[in-house]
PDB file of N, CA and C in Angstrom:
ATOM      1  N   MET A   1      78.999  99.793  99.129  1.00  0.00           N
ATOM      2  CA  MET A   1      79.935 100.394  98.208  1.00  0.00           C
ATOM      3  C   MET A   1      79.533 101.852  98.004  1.00  0.00           C
ATOM      4  N   VAL A   2      80.531 102.718  98.107  1.00  0.00           N
ATOM      5  CA  VAL A   2      80.326 104.145  97.906  1.00  0.00           C
ATOM      6  C   VAL A   2      81.126 104.560  96.685  1.00  0.00           C
ATOM      7  N   VAL A   3      80.513 105.345  95.796  1.00  0.00           N
ATOM      8  CA  VAL A   3      81.205 105.864  94.617  1.00  0.00           C
ATOM      9  C   VAL A   3      81.313 107.373  94.754  1.00  0.00           C
ATOM     10  N   ILE A   4      82.533 107.876  94.658  1.00  0.00           N
ATOM     11  CA  ILE A   4      82.790 109.309  94.721  1.00  0.00           C
ATOM     12  C   ILE A   4      83.468 109.685  93.409  1.00  0.00           C
ATOM     13  N   THR A   5      82.930 110.651  92.704  1.00  0.00           N
ATOM     14  CA  THR A   5      83.559 111.085  91.456  1.00  0.00           C
ATOM     15  C   THR A   5      83.808 112.584  91.508  1.00  0.00           C
ATOM     16  N   ASP A   6      84.889 113.004  90.875  1.00  0.00           N
ATOM     17  CA  ASP A   6      85.180 114.429  90.766  1.00  0.00           C
ATOM     18  C   ASP A   6      85.286 114.846  89.300  1.00  0.00           C
ATOM     19  N   GLY A   7      84.785 114.011  88.411  1.00  0.00           N
ATOM     20  CA  GLY A   7      84.842 114.298  86.991  1.00  0.00           C
ATOM     21  C   GLY A   7      86.048 113.687  86.300  1.00  0.00           C
ATOM     22  N   ARG A   8      87.123 113.465  87.043  1.00  0.00           N
ATOM     23  CA  ARG A   8      88.329 112.866  86.480  1.00  0.00           C
ATOM     24  C   ARG A   8      88.580 111.480  87.035  1.00  0.00           C
ATOM     25  N   VAL A   9      88.187 111.267  88.289  1.00  0.00           N
ATOM     26  CA  VAL A   9      88.455 109.995  88.961  1.00  0.00           C
ATOM     27  C   VAL A   9      87.173 109.484  89.616  1.00  0.00           C
ATOM     28  N   ALA A  10      86.875 108.216  89.382  1.00  0.00           N
ATOM     29  CA  ALA A  10      85.789 107.549  90.093  1.00  0.00           C
ATOM     30  C   ALA A  10      86.442 106.713  91.187  1.00  0.00           C
ATOM     31  N   ARG A  11      86.126 107.004  92.429  1.00  0.00           N
ATOM     32  CA  ARG A  11      86.710 106.278  93.557  1.00  0.00           C
ATOM     33  C   ARG A  11      85.612 105.432  94.200  1.00  0.00           C
ATOM     34  N   LEU A  12      85.843 104.122  94.203  1.00  0.00           N
ATOM     35  CA  LEU A  12      84.894 103.206  94.812  1.00  0.00           C
ATOM     36  C   LEU A  12      85.453 102.716  96.133  1.00  0.00           C
ATOM     37  N   GLN A  13      84.681 102.886  97.180  1.00  0.00           N
ATOM     38  CA  GLN A  13      85.071 102.393  98.499  1.00  0.00           C
ATOM     39  C   GLN A  13      84.379 101.050  98.700  1.00  0.00           C
ATOM     40  N   LEU A  14      85.179  99.996  98.657  1.00  0.00           N
ATOM     41  CA  LEU A  14      84.664  98.642  98.750  1.00  0.00           C
ATOM     42  C   LEU A  14      84.754  98.126 100.176  1.00  0.00           C
ATOM     43  N   SER A  15      83.759  97.334 100.572  1.00  0.00           N
ATOM     44  CA  SER A  15      83.809  96.735 101.907  1.00  0.00           C
ATOM     45  C   SER A  15      83.140  95.366 101.866  1.00  0.00           C
ATOM     46  N   GLY A  16      83.523  94.544 102.815  1.00  0.00           N
ATOM     47  CA  GLY A  16      82.958  93.195 102.895  1.00  0.00           C
ATOM     48  C   GLY A  16      83.705  92.222 102.013  1.00  0.00           C
ATOM     49  N   GLU A  17      82.963  91.381 101.324  1.00  0.00           N
ATOM     50  CA  GLU A  17      83.538  90.319 100.512  1.00  0.00           C
ATOM     51  C   GLU A  17      83.394  90.638  99.028  1.00  0.00           C
ATOM     52  N   LEU A  18      84.522  90.686  98.326  1.00  0.00           N
ATOM     53  CA  LEU A  18      84.496  90.918  96.875  1.00  0.00           C
ATOM     54  C   LEU A  18      84.430  89.566  96.183  1.00  0.00           C
ATOM     55  N   ASP A  19      83.189  89.079  96.051  1.00  0.00           N
ATOM     56  CA  ASP A  19      82.919  87.789  95.410  1.00  0.00           C
ATOM     57  C   ASP A  19      82.078  88.038  94.171  1.00  0.00           C
ATOM     58  N   LYS A  20      81.505  87.006  93.610  1.00  0.00           N
ATOM     59  CA  LYS A  20      80.751  87.113  92.364  1.00  0.00           C
ATOM     60  C   LYS A  20      79.620  88.139  92.460  1.00  0.00           C
ATOM     61  N   GLY A  21      78.878  88.111  93.548  1.00  0.00           N
ATOM     62  CA  GLY A  21      77.754  89.042  93.718  1.00  0.00           C
ATOM     63  C   GLY A  21      78.197  90.490  93.773  1.00  0.00           C
ATOM     64  N   MET A  22      79.198  90.775  94.587  1.00  0.00           N
ATOM     65  CA  MET A  22      79.678  92.145  94.699  1.00  0.00           C
ATOM     66  C   MET A  22      80.361  92.583  93.406  1.00  0.00           C
ATOM     67  N   ALA A  23      81.079  91.678  92.751  1.00  0.00           N
ATOM     68  CA  ALA A  23      81.757  92.019  91.495  1.00  0.00           C
ATOM     69  C   ALA A  23      80.738  92.502  90.467  1.00  0.00           C
ATOM     70  N   GLU A  24      79.608  91.868  90.400  1.00  0.00           N
ATOM     71  CA  GLU A  24      78.564  92.283  89.450  1.00  0.00           C
ATOM     72  C   GLU A  24      78.039  93.676  89.802  1.00  0.00           C
ATOM     73  N   THR A  25      77.879  93.954  91.076  1.00  0.00           N
ATOM     74  CA  THR A  25      77.423  95.274  91.517  1.00  0.00           C
ATOM     75  C   THR A  25      78.444  96.348  91.142  1.00  0.00           C
ATOM     76  N   VAL A  26      79.720  96.082  91.377  1.00  0.00           N
ATOM     77  CA  VAL A  26      80.781  97.031  91.028  1.00  0.00           C
ATOM     78  C   VAL A  26      80.803  97.244  89.520  1.00  0.00           C
ATOM     79  N   ARG A  27      80.720  96.181  88.776  1.00  0.00           N
ATOM     80  CA  ARG A  27      80.728  96.259  87.307  1.00  0.00           C
ATOM     81  C   ARG A  27      79.595  97.167  86.822  1.00  0.00           C
ATOM     82  N   THR A  28      78.425  97.000  87.378  1.00  0.00           N
ATOM     83  CA  THR A  28      77.263  97.805  86.999  1.00  0.00           C
ATOM     84  C   THR A  28      77.490  99.276  87.331  1.00  0.00           C
ATOM     85  N   ARG A  29      78.043  99.550  88.495  1.00  0.00           N
ATOM     86  CA  ARG A  29      78.294 100.937  88.907  1.00  0.00           C
ATOM     87  C   ARG A  29      79.324 101.627  88.027  1.00  0.00           C
ATOM     88  N   LEU A  30      80.268 100.869  87.473  1.00  0.00           N
ATOM     89  CA  LEU A  30      81.324 101.459  86.648  1.00  0.00           C
ATOM     90  C   LEU A  30      80.946 101.597  85.179  1.00  0.00           C
ATOM     91  N   THR A  31      79.865 100.967  84.767  1.00  0.00           N
ATOM     92  CA  THR A  31      79.462 101.015  83.370  1.00  0.00           C
ATOM     93  C   THR A  31      79.238 102.464  82.940  1.00  0.00           C
ATOM     94  N   GLY A  32      79.917 102.842  81.867  1.00  0.00           N
ATOM     95  CA  GLY A  32      79.752 104.179  81.310  1.00  0.00           C
ATOM     96  C   GLY A  32      80.580 105.268  81.965  1.00  0.00           C
ATOM     97  N   MET A  33      81.350 104.946  82.992  1.00  0.00           N
ATOM     98  CA  MET A  33      82.184 105.964  83.638  1.00  0.00           C
ATOM     99  C   MET A  33      83.415 106.250  82.796  1.00  0.00           C
ATOM    100  N   ASP A  34      83.830 107.497  82.811  1.00  0.00           N
ATOM    101  CA  ASP A  34      85.041 107.921  82.127  1.00  0.00           C
ATOM    102  C   ASP A  34      86.107 108.234  83.161  1.00  0.00           C
ATOM    103  N   GLY A  35      87.335 108.389  82.710  1.00  0.00           N
ATOM    104  CA  GLY A  35      88.414 108.795  83.590  1.00  0.00           C
ATOM    105  C   GLY A  35      89.017 107.640  84.366  1.00  0.00           C
ATOM    106  N   ASP A  36      89.910 108.024  85.267  1.00  0.00           N
ATOM    107  CA  ASP A  36      90.621 107.043  86.088  1.00  0.00           C
ATOM    108  C   ASP A  36      89.680 106.408  87.106  1.00  0.00           C
ATOM    109  N   VAL A  37      90.085 105.228  87.576  1.00  0.00           N
ATOM    110  CA  VAL A  37      89.318 104.515  88.596  1.00  0.00           C
ATOM    111  C   VAL A  37      90.245 104.202  89.761  1.00  0.00           C
ATOM    112  N   GLU A  38      89.784 104.507  90.977  1.00  0.00           N
ATOM    113  CA  GLU A  38      90.472 104.118  92.206  1.00  0.00           C
ATOM    114  C   GLU A  38      89.568 103.175  92.968  1.00  0.00           C
ATOM    115  N   LEU A  39      90.107 102.031  93.325  1.00  0.00           N
ATOM    116  CA  LEU A  39      89.385 101.067  94.153  1.00  0.00           C
ATOM    117  C   LEU A  39      89.971 101.129  95.553  1.00  0.00           C
ATOM    118  N   ASP A  40      89.235 101.707  96.485  1.00  0.00           N
ATOM    119  CA  ASP A  40      89.675 101.766  97.877  1.00  0.00           C
ATOM    120  C   ASP A  40      89.231 100.470  98.539  1.00  0.00           C
ATOM    121  N   CYS A  41      90.190  99.607  98.805  1.00  0.00           N
ATOM    122  CA  CYS A  41      89.907  98.257  99.294  1.00  0.00           C
ATOM    123  C   CYS A  41      90.060  98.108 100.801  1.00  0.00           C
ATOM    124  N   ALA A  42      90.213  99.214 101.513  1.00  0.00           N
ATOM    125  CA  ALA A  42      90.463  99.158 102.954  1.00  0.00           C
ATOM    126  C   ALA A  42      89.427  98.327 103.703  1.00  0.00           C
ATOM    127  N   GLY A  43      88.180  98.360 103.254  1.00  0.00           N
ATOM    128  CA  GLY A  43      87.116  97.652 103.953  1.00  0.00           C
ATOM    129  C   GLY A  43      86.891  96.219 103.519  1.00  0.00           C
ATOM    130  N   LEU A  44      87.699  95.732 102.576  1.00  0.00           N
ATOM    131  CA  LEU A  44      87.511  94.354 102.119  1.00  0.00           C
ATOM    132  C   LEU A  44      88.057  93.356 103.134  1.00  0.00           C
ATOM    133  N   THR A  45      87.292  92.302 103.352  1.00  0.00           N
ATOM    134  CA  THR A  45      87.721  91.227 104.249  1.00  0.00           C
ATOM    135  C   THR A  45      87.996  89.935 103.496  1.00  0.00           C
ATOM    136  N   PHE A  46      87.595  89.902 102.213  1.00  0.00           N
ATOM    137  CA  PHE A  46      87.731  88.682 101.410  1.00  0.00           C
ATOM    138  C   PHE A  46      87.697  89.062  99.935  1.00  0.00           C
ATOM    139  N   ILE A  47      88.468  88.333  99.135  1.00  0.00           N
ATOM    140  CA  ILE A  47      88.410  88.477  97.682  1.00  0.00           C
ATOM    141  C   ILE A  47      88.640  87.096  97.075  1.00  0.00           C
ATOM    142  N   ASP A  48      87.879  86.777  96.024  1.00  0.00           N
ATOM    143  CA  ASP A  48      88.071  85.493  95.352  1.00  0.00           C
ATOM    144  C   ASP A  48      88.373  85.728  93.880  1.00  0.00           C
ATOM    145  N   SER A  49      88.306  84.684  93.083  1.00  0.00           N
ATOM    146  CA  SER A  49      88.662  84.793  91.669  1.00  0.00           C
ATOM    147  C   SER A  49      87.756  85.772  90.916  1.00  0.00           C
ATOM    148  N   ALA A  50      86.513  85.894  91.330  1.00  0.00           N
ATOM    149  CA  ALA A  50      85.611  86.854  90.686  1.00  0.00           C
ATOM    150  C   ALA A  50      86.089  88.283  90.934  1.00  0.00           C
ATOM    151  N   GLY A  51      86.599  88.530  92.110  1.00  0.00           N
ATOM    152  CA  GLY A  51      87.131  89.857  92.428  1.00  0.00           C
ATOM    153  C   GLY A  51      88.383  90.170  91.637  1.00  0.00           C
ATOM    154  N   ILE A  52      89.279  89.204  91.544  1.00  0.00           N
ATOM    155  CA  ILE A  52      90.510  89.399  90.762  1.00  0.00           C
ATOM    156  C   ILE A  52      90.166  89.574  89.285  1.00  0.00           C
ATOM    157  N   SER A  53      89.225  88.804  88.781  1.00  0.00           N
ATOM    158  CA  SER A  53      88.791  88.955  87.389  1.00  0.00           C
ATOM    159  C   SER A  53      88.206  90.343  87.153  1.00  0.00           C
ATOM    160  N   LEU A  54      87.482  90.845  88.129  1.00  0.00           N
ATOM    161  CA  LEU A  54      86.928  92.196  88.030  1.00  0.00           C
ATOM    162  C   LEU A  54      88.046  93.229  87.922  1.00  0.00           C
ATOM    163  N   PHE A  55      89.093  93.095  88.738  1.00  0.00           N
ATOM    164  CA  PHE A  55      90.228  94.017  88.661  1.00  0.00           C
ATOM    165  C   PHE A  55      90.820  94.020  87.251  1.00  0.00           C
ATOM    166  N   VAL A  56      90.983  92.841  86.669  1.00  0.00           N
ATOM    167  CA  VAL A  56      91.543  92.733  85.317  1.00  0.00           C
ATOM    168  C   VAL A  56      90.603  93.396  84.307  1.00  0.00           C
ATOM    169  N   GLU A  57      89.323  93.153  84.446  1.00  0.00           N
ATOM    170  CA  GLU A  57      88.330  93.747  83.550  1.00  0.00           C
ATOM    171  C   GLU A  57      88.352  95.278  83.646  1.00  0.00           C
ATOM    172  N   ILE A  58      88.403  95.801  84.865  1.00  0.00           N
ATOM    173  CA  ILE A  58      88.454  97.254  85.058  1.00  0.00           C
ATOM    174  C   ILE A  58      89.746  97.815  84.476  1.00  0.00           C
ATOM    175  N   TYR A  59      90.852  97.112  84.683  1.00  0.00           N
ATOM    176  CA  TYR A  59      92.128  97.539  84.127  1.00  0.00           C
ATOM    177  C   TYR A  59      92.034  97.679  82.606  1.00  0.00           C
ATOM    178  N   HIS A  60      91.506  96.667  81.931  1.00  0.00           N
ATOM    179  CA  HIS A  60      91.403  96.709  80.467  1.00  0.00           C
ATOM    180  C   HIS A  60      90.457  97.818  80.001  1.00  0.00           C
ATOM    181  N   ALA A  61      89.366  98.032  80.715  1.00  0.00           N
ATOM    182  CA  ALA A  61      88.447  99.115  80.366  1.00  0.00           C
ATOM    183  C   ALA A  61      89.139 100.467  80.504  1.00  0.00           C
ATOM    184  N   CYS A  62      89.954 100.624  81.545  1.00  0.00           N
ATOM    185  CA  CYS A  62      90.707 101.870  81.735  1.00  0.00           C
ATOM    186  C   CYS A  62      91.710 102.072  80.613  1.00  0.00           C
ATOM    187  N   VAL A  63      92.461 101.038  80.293  1.00  0.00           N
ATOM    188  CA  VAL A  63      93.461 101.133  79.218  1.00  0.00           C
ATOM    189  C   VAL A  63      92.781 101.511  77.900  1.00  0.00           C
ATOM    190  N   ASP A  64      91.636 100.913  77.621  1.00  0.00           N
ATOM    191  CA  ASP A  64      90.924 101.179  76.367  1.00  0.00           C
ATOM    192  C   ASP A  64      90.536 102.648  76.223  1.00  0.00           C
ATOM    193  N   ARG A  65      90.304 103.331  77.339  1.00  0.00           N
ATOM    194  CA  ARG A  65      89.914 104.739  77.259  1.00  0.00           C
ATOM    195  C   ARG A  65      91.034 105.696  77.692  1.00  0.00           C
ATOM    196  N   GLY A  66      92.245 105.145  77.827  1.00  0.00           N
ATOM    197  CA  GLY A  66      93.397 105.979  78.166  1.00  0.00           C
ATOM    198  C   GLY A  66      93.427 106.426  79.619  1.00  0.00           C
ATOM    199  N   ALA A  67      92.847 105.633  80.490  1.00  0.00           N
ATOM    200  CA  ALA A  67      92.770 105.958  81.913  1.00  0.00           C
ATOM    201  C   ALA A  67      93.618 104.977  82.728  1.00  0.00           C
ATOM    202  N   ARG A  68      93.664 105.209  84.045  1.00  0.00           N
ATOM    203  CA  ARG A  68      94.454 104.354  84.942  1.00  0.00           C
ATOM    204  C   ARG A  68      93.569 103.737  86.012  1.00  0.00           C
ATOM    205  N   LEU A  69      93.984 102.565  86.450  1.00  0.00           N
ATOM    206  CA  LEU A  69      93.375 101.906  87.609  1.00  0.00           C
ATOM    207  C   LEU A  69      94.378 101.951  88.740  1.00  0.00           C
ATOM    208  N   THR A  70      93.925 102.401  89.912  1.00  0.00           N
ATOM    209  CA  THR A  70      94.750 102.404  91.110  1.00  0.00           C
ATOM    210  C   THR A  70      93.999 101.684  92.220  1.00  0.00           C
ATOM    211  N   VAL A  71      94.694 100.784  92.899  1.00  0.00           N
ATOM    212  CA  VAL A  71      94.139 100.099  94.062  1.00  0.00           C
ATOM    213  C   VAL A  71      94.723 100.777  95.295  1.00  0.00           C
ATOM    214  N   VAL A  72      93.844 101.230  96.172  1.00  0.00           N
ATOM    215  CA  VAL A  72      94.237 102.000  97.341  1.00  0.00           C
ATOM    216  C   VAL A  72      93.944 101.201  98.605  1.00  0.00           C
ATOM    217  N   ASN A  73      94.861 101.251  99.549  1.00  0.00           N
ATOM    218  CA  ASN A  73      94.664 100.645 100.873  1.00  0.00           C
ATOM    219  C   ASN A  73      94.285  99.168 100.808  1.00  0.00           C
ATOM    220  N   ALA A  74      95.006  98.420 100.003  1.00  0.00           N
ATOM    221  CA  ALA A  74      94.702  97.003  99.843  1.00  0.00           C
ATOM    222  C   ALA A  74      95.093  96.215 101.096  1.00  0.00           C
ATOM    223  N   PRO A  75      94.143  95.491 101.692  1.00  0.00           N
ATOM    224  CA  PRO A  75      94.472  94.625 102.824  1.00  0.00           C
ATOM    225  C   PRO A  75      95.222  93.384 102.332  1.00  0.00           C
ATOM    226  N   ARG A  76      95.729  92.616 103.244  1.00  0.00           N
ATOM    227  CA  ARG A  76      96.537  91.447 102.913  1.00  0.00           C
ATOM    228  C   ARG A  76      95.808  90.460 101.994  1.00  0.00           C
ATOM    229  N   CYS A  77      94.507  90.275 102.186  1.00  0.00           N
ATOM    230  CA  CYS A  77      93.784  89.320 101.332  1.00  0.00           C
ATOM    231  C   CYS A  77      93.836  89.747  99.871  1.00  0.00           C
ATOM    232  N   VAL A  78      93.826  91.039  99.605  1.00  0.00           N
ATOM    233  CA  VAL A  78      93.879  91.539  98.231  1.00  0.00           C
ATOM    234  C   VAL A  78      95.301  91.455  97.678  1.00  0.00           C
ATOM    235  N   THR A  79      96.279  91.923  98.461  1.00  0.00           N
ATOM    236  CA  THR A  79      97.657  91.910  97.952  1.00  0.00           C
ATOM    237  C   THR A  79      98.144  90.488  97.735  1.00  0.00           C
ATOM    238  N   ARG A  80      97.789  89.585  98.622  1.00  0.00           N
ATOM    239  CA  ARG A  80      98.248  88.200  98.485  1.00  0.00           C
ATOM    240  C   ARG A  80      97.703  87.552  97.210  1.00  0.00           C
ATOM    241  N   LEU A  81      96.396  87.659  96.978  1.00  0.00           N
ATOM    242  CA  LEU A  81      95.814  87.035  95.791  1.00  0.00           C
ATOM    243  C   LEU A  81      96.285  87.749  94.518  1.00  0.00           C
ATOM    244  N   SER A  82      96.451  89.052  94.576  1.00  0.00           N
ATOM    245  CA  SER A  82      96.963  89.799  93.419  1.00  0.00           C
ATOM    246  C   SER A  82      98.373  89.353  93.058  1.00  0.00           C
ATOM    247  N   GLU A  83      99.203  89.157  94.073  1.00  0.00           N
ATOM    248  CA  GLU A  83     100.576  88.705  93.831  1.00  0.00           C
ATOM    249  C   GLU A  83     100.601  87.268  93.312  1.00  0.00           C
ATOM    250  N   LEU A  84      99.801  86.397  93.906  1.00  0.00           N
ATOM    251  CA  LEU A  84      99.768  84.992  93.489  1.00  0.00           C
ATOM    252  C   LEU A  84      99.324  84.825  92.036  1.00  0.00           C
ATOM    253  N   THR A  85      98.398  85.670  91.607  1.00  0.00           N
ATOM    254  CA  THR A  85      97.871  85.573  90.250  1.00  0.00           C
ATOM    255  C   THR A  85      98.640  86.429  89.251  1.00  0.00           C
ATOM    256  N   GLY A  86      99.490  87.315  89.754  1.00  0.00           N
ATOM    257  CA  GLY A  86     100.291  88.177  88.883  1.00  0.00           C
ATOM    258  C   GLY A  86      99.587  89.431  88.413  1.00  0.00           C
ATOM    259  N   VAL A  87      98.357  89.652  88.822  1.00  0.00           N
ATOM    260  CA  VAL A  87      97.648  90.850  88.364  1.00  0.00           C
ATOM    261  C   VAL A  87      98.142  92.123  89.050  1.00  0.00           C
ATOM    262  N   ASP A  88      98.932  91.980  90.086  1.00  0.00           N
ATOM    263  CA  ASP A  88      99.470  93.169  90.767  1.00  0.00           C
ATOM    264  C   ASP A  88     100.346  94.003  89.841  1.00  0.00           C
ATOM    265  N   ARG A  89     100.809  93.423  88.745  1.00  0.00           N
ATOM    266  CA  ARG A  89     101.642  94.162  87.784  1.00  0.00           C
ATOM    267  C   ARG A  89     100.806  95.020  86.849  1.00  0.00           C
ATOM    268  N   LEU A  90      99.489  94.861  86.853  1.00  0.00           N
ATOM    269  CA  LEU A  90      98.631  95.586  85.930  1.00  0.00           C
ATOM    270  C   LEU A  90      98.249  96.982  86.405  1.00  0.00           C
ATOM    271  N   PHE A  91      98.208  97.188  87.703  1.00  0.00           N
ATOM    272  CA  PHE A  91      97.698  98.453  88.212  1.00  0.00           C
ATOM    273  C   PHE A  91      98.604  99.009  89.293  1.00  0.00           C
ATOM    274  N   ASP A  92      98.430 100.306  89.566  1.00  0.00           N
ATOM    275  CA  ASP A  92      99.177 100.966  90.627  1.00  0.00           C
ATOM    276  C   ASP A  92      98.542 100.614  91.964  1.00  0.00           C
ATOM    277  N   VAL A  93      99.381 100.492  92.972  1.00  0.00           N
ATOM    278  CA  VAL A  93      98.911 100.245  94.330  1.00  0.00           C
ATOM    279  C   VAL A  93      99.530 101.312  95.219  1.00  0.00           C
ATOM    280  N   ARG A  94      98.702 101.960  96.037  1.00  0.00           N
ATOM    281  CA  ARG A  94      99.237 102.971  96.948  1.00  0.00           C
ATOM    282  C   ARG A  94      98.440 102.972  98.244  1.00  0.00           C
ATOM    283  N   SER A  95      99.065 103.536  99.262  1.00  0.00           N
ATOM    284  CA  SER A  95      98.372 103.666 100.535  1.00  0.00           C
ATOM    285  C   SER A  95      97.697 105.034 100.574  1.00  0.00           C
ATOM    286  N   GLU A  96      96.770 105.197 101.457  1.00  0.00           N
ATOM    287  CA  GLU A  96      96.020 106.446 101.582  1.00  0.00           C
ATOM    288  C   GLU A  96      96.934 107.621 101.947  1.00  0.00           C
ATOM    289  N   ASP A  97      98.052 107.332 102.577  1.00  0.00           N
ATOM    290  CA  ASP A  97      98.991 108.375 102.982  1.00  0.00           C
ATOM    291  C   ASP A  97      99.723 109.004 101.802  1.00  0.00           C
ATOM    292  N   ALA A  98      99.703 108.325 100.644  1.00  0.00           N
ATOM    293  CA  ALA A  98     100.405 108.844  99.468  1.00  0.00           C
ATOM    294  C   ALA A  98      99.650 110.045  98.904  1.00  0.00           C
ATOM    295  N   VAL A  99     100.383 110.912  98.260  1.00  0.00           N
ATOM    296  CA  VAL A  99      99.793 112.101  97.655  1.00  0.00           C
ATOM    297  C   VAL A  99      99.031 111.691  96.410  1.00  0.00           C
ATOM    298  N   LEU A 100      97.837 112.258  96.241  1.00  0.00           N
ATOM    299  CA  LEU A 100      97.003 111.939  95.069  1.00  0.00           C
ATOM    300  C   LEU A 100      97.614 112.435  93.802  1.00  0.00           C
TER     301      LEU A 100
END
């Protein structure tokens, strides 16, 4: 996982499997961050309920501080589970080709 910040946006580049172990690592990295959060999911190959719960948790943390959560480059495993659980309505989703 790579974290890139510009003072306004924290962009996390996720790869591999977003399961309980990785969710805890992401949660730790985001603790105390301000501003918007972008989750670049292009490198994810798997996501489970812990990953979806993490998205919801990050969304609520962003709302609490007046920020936004954006999911970028979501592969099919992410979009499918997000749609099935209904959490896709909580955050913005865009492709890398979209203007920032």
